[in-house]
PDB file of all heavy atoms in Angstrom:
ATOM      1  N   GLU A   1      -9.249 -37.893  10.776  1.00  0.00           N
ATOM      2  CA  GLU A   1      -7.810 -38.196  10.748  1.00  0.00           C
ATOM      3  C   GLU A   1      -7.076 -37.327   9.732  1.00  0.00           C
ATOM      4  O   GLU A   1      -5.970 -36.859   9.964  1.00  0.00           O
ATOM      5  CB  GLU A   1      -7.608 -39.679  10.435  1.00  0.00           C
ATOM      6  CG  GLU A   1      -6.157 -40.127  10.493  1.00  0.00           C
ATOM      7  CD  GLU A   1      -6.023 -41.610  10.233  1.00  0.00           C
ATOM      8  OE1 GLU A   1      -7.059 -42.277   9.999  1.00  0.00           O
ATOM      9  OE2 GLU A   1      -4.888 -42.121  10.283  1.00  0.00           O
ATOM     10  N   SER A   2      -7.710 -37.104   8.580  1.00  0.00           N
ATOM     11  CA  SER A   2      -7.055 -36.311   7.543  1.00  0.00           C
ATOM     12  C   SER A   2      -6.995 -34.820   7.886  1.00  0.00           C
ATOM     13  O   SER A   2      -6.327 -34.054   7.199  1.00  0.00           O
ATOM     14  CB  SER A   2      -7.795 -36.492   6.206  1.00  0.00           C
ATOM     15  OG  SER A   2      -9.149 -36.105   6.324  1.00  0.00           O
ATOM     16  N   ALA A   3      -7.736 -34.387   8.922  1.00  0.00           N
ATOM     17  CA  ALA A   3      -7.711 -32.979   9.307  1.00  0.00           C
ATOM     18  C   ALA A   3      -6.470 -32.624  10.133  1.00  0.00           C
ATOM     19  O   ALA A   3      -6.160 -31.443  10.279  1.00  0.00           O
ATOM     20  CB  ALA A   3      -8.971 -32.636  10.097  1.00  0.00           C
ATOM     21  N   ALA A   4      -5.794 -33.613  10.701  1.00  0.00           N
ATOM     22  CA  ALA A   4      -4.635 -33.328  11.558  1.00  0.00           C
ATOM     23  C   ALA A   4      -3.500 -32.634  10.795  1.00  0.00           C
ATOM     24  O   ALA A   4      -2.970 -31.618  11.286  1.00  0.00           O
ATOM     25  CB  ALA A   4      -4.148 -34.617  12.205  1.00  0.00           C
ATOM     26  N   PRO A   5      -3.092 -33.117   9.601  1.00  0.00           N
ATOM     27  CA  PRO A   5      -2.023 -32.382   8.880  1.00  0.00           C
ATOM     28  C   PRO A   5      -2.426 -30.953   8.550  1.00  0.00           C
ATOM     29  O   PRO A   5      -1.604 -30.039   8.629  1.00  0.00           O
ATOM     30  CB  PRO A   5      -1.832 -33.223   7.607  1.00  0.00           C
ATOM     31  CG  PRO A   5      -2.341 -34.582   7.950  1.00  0.00           C
ATOM     32  CD  PRO A   5      -3.467 -34.343   8.903  1.00  0.00           C
ATOM     33  N   LEU A   6      -3.687 -30.755   8.180  1.00  0.00           N
ATOM     34  CA  LEU A   6      -4.129 -29.397   7.897  1.00  0.00           C
ATOM     35  C   LEU A   6      -4.056 -28.532   9.154  1.00  0.00           C
ATOM     36  O   LEU A   6      -3.688 -27.357   9.089  1.00  0.00           O
ATOM     37  CB  LEU A   6      -5.568 -29.425   7.370  1.00  0.00           C
ATOM     38  CG  LEU A   6      -6.200 -28.055   7.093  1.00  0.00           C
ATOM     39  CD1 LEU A   6      -5.418 -27.309   6.018  1.00  0.00           C
ATOM     40  CD2 LEU A   6      -7.658 -28.210   6.686  1.00  0.00           C
ATOM     41  N   GLY A   7      -4.379 -29.110  10.305  1.00  0.00           N
ATOM     42  CA  GLY A   7      -4.292 -28.362  11.550  1.00  0.00           C
ATOM     43  C   GLY A   7      -2.870 -27.886  11.832  1.00  0.00           C
ATOM     44  O   GLY A   7      -2.653 -26.751  12.272  1.00  0.00           O
ATOM     45  N   LEU A   8      -1.883 -28.747  11.564  1.00  0.00           N
ATOM     46  CA  LEU A   8      -0.483 -28.343  11.768  1.00  0.00           C
ATOM     47  C   LEU A   8      -0.092 -27.219  10.824  1.00  0.00           C
ATOM     48  O   LEU A   8       0.578 -26.250  11.227  1.00  0.00           O
ATOM     49  CB  LEU A   8       0.432 -29.566  11.558  1.00  0.00           C
ATOM     50  CG  LEU A   8       0.333 -30.655  12.623  1.00  0.00           C
ATOM     51  CD1 LEU A   8       1.227 -31.844  12.252  1.00  0.00           C
ATOM     52  CD2 LEU A   8       0.732 -30.121  13.991  1.00  0.00           C
ATOM     53  N   ARG A   9      -0.522 -27.320   9.578  1.00  0.00           N
ATOM     54  CA  ARG A   9      -0.189 -26.256   8.619  1.00  0.00           C
ATOM     55  C   ARG A   9      -0.858 -24.951   9.023  1.00  0.00           C
ATOM     56  O   ARG A   9      -0.271 -23.863   8.875  1.00  0.00           O
ATOM     57  CB  ARG A   9      -0.633 -26.677   7.218  1.00  0.00           C
ATOM     58  CG  ARG A   9       0.227 -27.769   6.610  1.00  0.00           C
ATOM     59  CD  ARG A   9      -0.020 -27.902   5.117  1.00  0.00           C
ATOM     60  NE  ARG A   9      -1.342 -28.424   4.837  1.00  0.00           N
ATOM     61  CZ  ARG A   9      -1.641 -29.720   4.729  1.00  0.00           C
ATOM     62  NH1 ARG A   9      -0.660 -30.626   4.882  1.00  0.00           N
ATOM     63  NH2 ARG A   9      -2.849 -30.126   4.466  1.00  0.00           N
ATOM     64  N   ILE A  10      -2.083 -25.044   9.530  1.00  0.00           N
ATOM     65  CA  ILE A  10      -2.766 -23.827   9.971  1.00  0.00           C
ATOM     66  C   ILE A  10      -2.027 -23.192  11.138  1.00  0.00           C
ATOM     67  O   ILE A  10      -1.909 -21.962  11.226  1.00  0.00           O
ATOM     68  CB  ILE A  10      -4.225 -24.155  10.335  1.00  0.00           C
ATOM     69  CG1 ILE A  10      -5.030 -24.459   9.073  1.00  0.00           C
ATOM     70  CG2 ILE A  10      -4.871 -23.011  11.096  1.00  0.00           C
ATOM     71  CD1 ILE A  10      -6.442 -24.893   9.341  1.00  0.00           C
ATOM     72  N   ILE A  11      -1.529 -24.002  12.084  1.00  0.00           N
ATOM     73  CA  ILE A  11      -0.776 -23.456  13.220  1.00  0.00           C
ATOM     74  C   ILE A  11       0.467 -22.727  12.736  1.00  0.00           C
ATOM     75  O   ILE A  11       0.791 -21.620  13.206  1.00  0.00           O
ATOM     76  CB  ILE A  11      -0.389 -24.602  14.183  1.00  0.00           C
ATOM     77  CG1 ILE A  11      -1.654 -25.147  14.865  1.00  0.00           C
ATOM     78  CG2 ILE A  11       0.610 -24.127  15.220  1.00  0.00           C
ATOM     79  CD1 ILE A  11      -1.388 -26.347  15.742  1.00  0.00           C
ATOM     80  N   HIS A  12       1.190 -23.296  11.773  1.00  0.00           N
ATOM     81  CA  HIS A  12       2.381 -22.615  11.226  1.00  0.00           C
ATOM     82  C   HIS A  12       2.009 -21.299  10.572  1.00  0.00           C
ATOM     83  O   HIS A  12       2.693 -20.286  10.741  1.00  0.00           O
ATOM     84  CB  HIS A  12       3.067 -23.543  10.220  1.00  0.00           C
ATOM     85  CG  HIS A  12       3.620 -24.793  10.837  1.00  0.00           C
ATOM     86  ND1 HIS A  12       3.848 -25.953  10.139  1.00  0.00           N
ATOM     87  CD2 HIS A  12       3.970 -25.065  12.128  1.00  0.00           C
ATOM     88  CE1 HIS A  12       4.332 -26.884  10.957  1.00  0.00           C
ATOM     89  NE2 HIS A  12       4.411 -26.368  12.162  1.00  0.00           N
ATOM     90  N   MET A  13       0.883 -21.311   9.828  1.00  0.00           N
ATOM     91  CA  MET A  13       0.467 -20.075   9.177  1.00  0.00           C
ATOM     92  C   MET A  13       0.058 -19.021  10.196  1.00  0.00           C
ATOM     93  O   MET A  13       0.354 -17.830  10.047  1.00  0.00           O
ATOM     94  CB  MET A  13      -0.705 -20.371   8.232  1.00  0.00           C
ATOM     95  CG  MET A  13      -0.336 -21.218   7.028  1.00  0.00           C
ATOM     96  SD  MET A  13      -1.783 -21.642   6.015  1.00  0.00           S
ATOM     97  CE  MET A  13      -2.323 -20.025   5.545  1.00  0.00           C
ATOM     98  N   VAL A  14      -0.634 -19.435  11.264  1.00  0.00           N
ATOM     99  CA  VAL A  14      -1.054 -18.482  12.293  1.00  0.00           C
ATOM    100  C   VAL A  14       0.163 -17.859  12.961  1.00  0.00           C
ATOM    101  O   VAL A  14       0.204 -16.643  13.220  1.00  0.00           O
ATOM    102  CB  VAL A  14      -1.959 -19.184  13.316  1.00  0.00           C
ATOM    103  CG1 VAL A  14      -2.169 -18.319  14.553  1.00  0.00           C
ATOM    104  CG2 VAL A  14      -3.299 -19.541  12.691  1.00  0.00           C
ATOM    105  N   LEU A  15       1.177 -18.665  13.259  1.00  0.00           N
ATOM    106  CA  LEU A  15       2.391 -18.121  13.871  1.00  0.00           C
ATOM    107  C   LEU A  15       3.066 -17.128  12.954  1.00  0.00           C
ATOM    108  O   LEU A  15       3.534 -16.049  13.388  1.00  0.00           O
ATOM    109  CB  LEU A  15       3.336 -19.271  14.225  1.00  0.00           C
ATOM    110  CG  LEU A  15       2.868 -20.225  15.357  1.00  0.00           C
ATOM    111  CD1 LEU A  15       3.849 -21.361  15.544  1.00  0.00           C
ATOM    112  CD2 LEU A  15       2.682 -19.457  16.648  1.00  0.00           C
ATOM    113  N   ALA A  16       3.145 -17.463  11.663  1.00  0.00           N
ATOM    114  CA  ALA A  16       3.801 -16.549  10.716  1.00  0.00           C
ATOM    115  C   ALA A  16       3.021 -15.241  10.607  1.00  0.00           C
ATOM    116  O   ALA A  16       3.592 -14.141  10.659  1.00  0.00           O
ATOM    117  CB  ALA A  16       3.912 -17.223   9.342  1.00  0.00           C
ATOM    118  N   PHE A  17       1.723 -15.318  10.463  1.00  0.00           N
ATOM    119  CA  PHE A  17       0.914 -14.101  10.348  1.00  0.00           C
ATOM    120  C   PHE A  17       0.912 -13.317  11.645  1.00  0.00           C
ATOM    121  O   PHE A  17       0.823 -12.077  11.636  1.00  0.00           O
ATOM    122  CB  PHE A  17      -0.515 -14.460   9.954  1.00  0.00           C
ATOM    123  CG  PHE A  17      -0.681 -14.688   8.480  1.00  0.00           C
ATOM    124  CD1 PHE A  17      -0.971 -15.955   8.006  1.00  0.00           C
ATOM    125  CD2 PHE A  17      -0.549 -13.648   7.583  1.00  0.00           C
ATOM    126  CE1 PHE A  17      -1.119 -16.180   6.645  1.00  0.00           C
ATOM    127  CE2 PHE A  17      -0.711 -13.866   6.221  1.00  0.00           C
ATOM    128  CZ  PHE A  17      -0.986 -15.140   5.749  1.00  0.00           C
ATOM    129  N   SER A  18       1.044 -13.985  12.779  1.00  0.00           N
ATOM    130  CA  SER A  18       1.120 -13.273  14.057  1.00  0.00           C
ATOM    131  C   SER A  18       2.388 -12.441  14.137  1.00  0.00           C
ATOM    132  O   SER A  18       2.359 -11.295  14.615  1.00  0.00           O
ATOM    133  CB  SER A  18       1.056 -14.268  15.208  1.00  0.00           C
ATOM    134  OG  SER A  18      -0.188 -14.963  15.213  1.00  0.00           O
ATOM    135  N   ALA A  19       3.512 -13.018  13.687  1.00  0.00           N
ATOM    136  CA  ALA A  19       4.751 -12.251  13.671  1.00  0.00           C
ATOM    137  C   ALA A  19       4.639 -11.026  12.761  1.00  0.00           C
ATOM    138  O   ALA A  19       5.090  -9.926  13.104  1.00  0.00           O
ATOM    139  CB  ALA A  19       5.917 -13.153  13.214  1.00  0.00           C
ATOM    140  N   ILE A  20       4.029 -11.216  11.597  1.00  0.00           N
ATOM    141  CA  ILE A  20       3.828 -10.089  10.679  1.00  0.00           C
ATOM    142  C   ILE A  20       2.911  -9.050  11.312  1.00  0.00           C
ATOM    143  O   ILE A  20       3.138  -7.822  11.173  1.00  0.00           O
ATOM    144  CB  ILE A  20       3.254 -10.609   9.339  1.00  0.00           C
ATOM    145  CG1 ILE A  20       4.269 -11.509   8.640  1.00  0.00           C
ATOM    146  CG2 ILE A  20       2.875  -9.442   8.438  1.00  0.00           C
ATOM    147  CD1 ILE A  20       3.733 -12.169   7.389  1.00  0.00           C
ATOM    148  N   ALA A  21       1.870  -9.517  12.019  1.00  0.00           N
ATOM    149  CA  ALA A  21       0.940  -8.589  12.659  1.00  0.00           C
ATOM    150  C   ALA A  21       1.632  -7.745  13.715  1.00  0.00           C
ATOM    151  O   ALA A  21       1.364  -6.547  13.851  1.00  0.00           O
ATOM    152  CB  ALA A  21      -0.235  -9.367  13.271  1.00  0.00           C
ATOM    153  N   ILE A  22       2.534  -8.366  14.487  1.00  0.00           N
ATOM    154  CA  ILE A  22       3.271  -7.604  15.519  1.00  0.00           C
ATOM    155  C   ILE A  22       4.124  -6.516  14.882  1.00  0.00           C
ATOM    156  O   ILE A  22       4.153  -5.363  15.336  1.00  0.00           O
ATOM    157  CB  ILE A  22       4.120  -8.567  16.361  1.00  0.00           C
ATOM    158  CG1 ILE A  22       3.198  -9.499  17.170  1.00  0.00           C
ATOM    159  CG2 ILE A  22       5.040  -7.798  17.292  1.00  0.00           C
ATOM    160  CD1 ILE A  22       3.947 -10.597  17.905  1.00  0.00           C
ATOM    161  N   LEU A  23       4.818  -6.870  13.789  1.00  0.00           N
ATOM    162  CA  LEU A  23       5.672  -5.899  13.108  1.00  0.00           C
ATOM    163  C   LEU A  23       4.843  -4.752  12.545  1.00  0.00           C
ATOM    164  O   LEU A  23       5.175  -3.561  12.733  1.00  0.00           O
ATOM    165  CB  LEU A  23       6.456  -6.595  12.001  1.00  0.00           C
ATOM    166  CG  LEU A  23       7.384  -5.696  11.150  1.00  0.00           C
ATOM    167  CD1 LEU A  23       8.451  -5.056  12.031  1.00  0.00           C
ATOM    168  CD2 LEU A  23       8.016  -6.498  10.020  1.00  0.00           C
ATOM    169  N   LEU A  24       3.741  -5.085  11.877  1.00  0.00           N
ATOM    170  CA  LEU A  24       2.906  -4.040  11.315  1.00  0.00           C
ATOM    171  C   LEU A  24       2.262  -3.192  12.409  1.00  0.00           C
ATOM    172  O   LEU A  24       2.047  -1.972  12.218  1.00  0.00           O
ATOM    173  CB  LEU A  24       1.809  -4.674  10.451  1.00  0.00           C
ATOM    174  CG  LEU A  24       2.279  -5.327   9.151  1.00  0.00           C
ATOM    175  CD1 LEU A  24       1.108  -5.978   8.434  1.00  0.00           C
ATOM    176  CD2 LEU A  24       2.966  -4.307   8.243  1.00  0.00           C
ATOM    177  N   ALA A  25       1.941  -3.787  13.560  1.00  0.00           N
ATOM    178  CA  ALA A  25       1.328  -3.045  14.661  1.00  0.00           C
ATOM    179  C   ALA A  25       2.277  -1.962  15.171  1.00  0.00           C
ATOM    180  O   ALA A  25       1.843  -0.831  15.441  1.00  0.00           O
ATOM    181  CB  ALA A  25       0.937  -3.992  15.787  1.00  0.00           C
ATOM    182  N   VAL A  26       3.548  -2.285  15.312  1.00  0.00           N
ATOM    183  CA  VAL A  26       4.510  -1.295  15.789  1.00  0.00           C
ATOM    184  C   VAL A  26       4.641  -0.148  14.788  1.00  0.00           C
ATOM    185  O   VAL A  26       4.609   1.048  15.151  1.00  0.00           O
ATOM    186  CB  VAL A  26       5.869  -1.975  16.033  1.00  0.00           C
ATOM    187  CG1 VAL A  26       6.928  -0.925  16.389  1.00  0.00           C
ATOM    188  CG2 VAL A  26       5.749  -2.992  17.147  1.00  0.00           C
ATOM    189  N   VAL A  27       4.755  -0.491  13.501  1.00  0.00           N
ATOM    190  CA  VAL A  27       4.898   0.540  12.471  1.00  0.00           C
ATOM    191  C   VAL A  27       3.648   1.431  12.412  1.00  0.00           C
ATOM    192  O   VAL A  27       3.741   2.673  12.361  1.00  0.00           O
ATOM    193  CB  VAL A  27       5.165  -0.113  11.105  1.00  0.00           C
ATOM    194  CG1 VAL A  27       5.185   0.945   9.989  1.00  0.00           C
ATOM    195  CG2 VAL A  27       6.496  -0.871  11.153  1.00  0.00           C
ATOM    196  N   PHE A  28       2.488   0.791  12.446  1.00  0.00           N
ATOM    197  CA  PHE A  28       1.238   1.544  12.337  1.00  0.00           C
ATOM    198  C   PHE A  28       1.025   2.420  13.576  1.00  0.00           C
ATOM    199  O   PHE A  28       0.528   3.547  13.475  1.00  0.00           O
ATOM    200  CB  PHE A  28       0.074   0.564  12.171  1.00  0.00           C
ATOM    201  CG  PHE A  28      -1.241   1.239  11.963  1.00  0.00           C
ATOM    202  CD1 PHE A  28      -1.556   1.847  10.755  1.00  0.00           C
ATOM    203  CD2 PHE A  28      -2.181   1.280  12.988  1.00  0.00           C
ATOM    204  CE1 PHE A  28      -2.763   2.476  10.563  1.00  0.00           C
ATOM    205  CE2 PHE A  28      -3.402   1.916  12.804  1.00  0.00           C
ATOM    206  CZ  PHE A  28      -3.691   2.520  11.588  1.00  0.00           C
ATOM    207  N   ALA A  29       1.397   1.933  14.749  1.00  0.00           N
ATOM    208  CA  ALA A  29       1.226   2.728  15.971  1.00  0.00           C
ATOM    209  C   ALA A  29       2.077   3.983  15.931  1.00  0.00           C
ATOM    210  O   ALA A  29       1.642   5.078  16.338  1.00  0.00           O
ATOM    211  CB  ALA A  29       1.570   1.879  17.185  1.00  0.00           C
ATOM    212  N   ARG A  30       3.315   3.858  15.425  1.00  0.00           N
ATOM    213  CA  ARG A  30       4.183   5.025  15.323  1.00  0.00           C
ATOM    214  C   ARG A  30       3.588   6.057  14.350  1.00  0.00           C
ATOM    215  O   ARG A  30       3.612   7.255  14.613  1.00  0.00           O
ATOM    216  CB  ARG A  30       5.573   4.609  14.857  1.00  0.00           C
ATOM    217  CG  ARG A  30       6.371   3.874  15.924  1.00  0.00           C
ATOM    218  CD  ARG A  30       7.783   3.542  15.404  1.00  0.00           C
ATOM    219  NE  ARG A  30       8.574   2.874  16.414  1.00  0.00           N
ATOM    220  CZ  ARG A  30       9.281   3.511  17.346  1.00  0.00           C
ATOM    221  NH1 ARG A  30       9.288   4.829  17.380  1.00  0.00           N
ATOM    222  NH2 ARG A  30       9.993   2.831  18.223  1.00  0.00           N
ATOM    223  N   ALA A  31       3.058   5.554  13.224  1.00  0.00           N
ATOM    224  CA  ALA A  31       2.498   6.481  12.237  1.00  0.00           C
ATOM    225  C   ALA A  31       1.225   7.144  12.738  1.00  0.00           C
ATOM    226  O   ALA A  31       0.872   8.244  12.318  1.00  0.00           O
ATOM    227  CB  ALA A  31       2.226   5.728  10.934  1.00  0.00           C
ATOM    228  N   LEU A  32       0.508   6.469  13.647  1.00  0.00           N
ATOM    229  CA  LEU A  32      -0.767   6.984  14.136  1.00  0.00           C
ATOM    230  C   LEU A  32      -0.633   7.941  15.310  1.00  0.00           C
ATOM    231  O   LEU A  32      -1.550   8.662  15.649  1.00  0.00           O
ATOM    232  CB  LEU A  32      -1.651   5.802  14.549  1.00  0.00           C
ATOM    233  CG  LEU A  32      -3.153   6.062  14.712  1.00  0.00           C
ATOM    234  CD1 LEU A  32      -3.777   6.507  13.398  1.00  0.00           C
ATOM    235  CD2 LEU A  32      -3.853   4.818  15.239  1.00  0.00           C
ATOM    236  N   LEU A  33       0.541   7.994  15.918  1.00  0.00           N
ATOM    237  CA  LEU A  33       0.702   8.792  17.124  1.00  0.00           C
ATOM    238  C   LEU A  33       0.510  10.288  16.858  1.00  0.00           C
ATOM    239  O   LEU A  33      -0.061  11.005  17.691  1.00  0.00           O
ATOM    240  CB  LEU A  33       2.090   8.567  17.721  1.00  0.00           C
ATOM    241  CG  LEU A  33       2.218   7.370  18.677  1.00  0.00           C
ATOM    242  CD1 LEU A  33       3.624   7.249  19.187  1.00  0.00           C
ATOM    243  CD2 LEU A  33       1.249   7.532  19.835  1.00  0.00           C
ATOM    244  N   ARG A  34       0.987  10.770  15.738  1.00  0.00           N
ATOM    245  CA  ARG A  34       0.917  12.211  15.495  1.00  0.00           C
ATOM    246  C   ARG A  34      -0.525  12.695  15.417  1.00  0.00           C
ATOM    247  O   ARG A  34      -0.909  13.623  16.152  1.00  0.00           O
ATOM    248  CB  ARG A  34       1.670  12.550  14.214  1.00  0.00           C
ATOM    249  CG  ARG A  34       3.173  12.287  14.304  1.00  0.00           C
ATOM    250  CD  ARG A  34       3.910  12.746  13.037  1.00  0.00           C
ATOM    251  NE  ARG A  34       5.308  12.390  13.070  1.00  0.00           N
ATOM    252  CZ  ARG A  34       5.797  11.243  12.629  1.00  0.00           C
ATOM    253  NH1 ARG A  34       4.976  10.351  12.110  1.00  0.00           N
ATOM    254  NH2 ARG A  34       7.087  11.003  12.711  1.00  0.00           N
ATOM    255  N   PRO A  35      -1.385  12.113  14.556  1.00  0.00           N
ATOM    256  CA  PRO A  35      -2.785  12.588  14.557  1.00  0.00           C
ATOM    257  C   PRO A  35      -3.514  12.272  15.854  1.00  0.00           C
ATOM    258  O   PRO A  35      -4.424  13.012  16.246  1.00  0.00           O
ATOM    259  CB  PRO A  35      -3.409  11.843  13.373  1.00  0.00           C
ATOM    260  CG  PRO A  35      -2.492  10.700  13.088  1.00  0.00           C
ATOM    261  CD  PRO A  35      -1.139  11.139  13.488  1.00  0.00           C
ATOM    262  N   ILE A  36      -3.110  11.230  16.538  1.00  0.00           N
ATOM    263  CA  ILE A  36      -3.770  10.898  17.812  1.00  0.00           C
ATOM    264  C   ILE A  36      -3.498  11.991  18.840  1.00  0.00           C
ATOM    265  O   ILE A  36      -4.373  12.353  19.653  1.00  0.00           O
ATOM    266  CB  ILE A  36      -3.293   9.535  18.332  1.00  0.00           C
ATOM    267  CG1 ILE A  36      -3.949   8.423  17.515  1.00  0.00           C
ATOM    268  CG2 ILE A  36      -3.643   9.349  19.800  1.00  0.00           C
ATOM    269  CD1 ILE A  36      -3.558   7.035  17.946  1.00  0.00           C
ATOM    270  N   ASN A  37      -2.268  12.535  18.829  1.00  0.00           N
ATOM    271  CA  ASN A  37      -1.924  13.623  19.749  1.00  0.00           C
ATOM    272  C   ASN A  37      -2.832  14.821  19.515  1.00  0.00           C
ATOM    273  O   ASN A  37      -3.335  15.443  20.469  1.00  0.00           O
ATOM    274  CB  ASN A  37      -0.455  14.006  19.558  1.00  0.00           C
ATOM    275  CG  ASN A  37       0.030  14.916  20.666  1.00  0.00           C
ATOM    276  OD1 ASN A  37      -0.511  14.905  21.762  1.00  0.00           O
ATOM    277  ND2 ASN A  37       1.073  15.698  20.381  1.00  0.00           N
TER     278      ASN A  37
END
């Protein structure tokens, strides 16, 4: 029962880190295109 609040907090953290991951992915992909070419 006590694990439920932690589960909600983990979901919020996952969503926040996912948004950060998407932003960093776009920036990193742009920086990587030149050597990839």
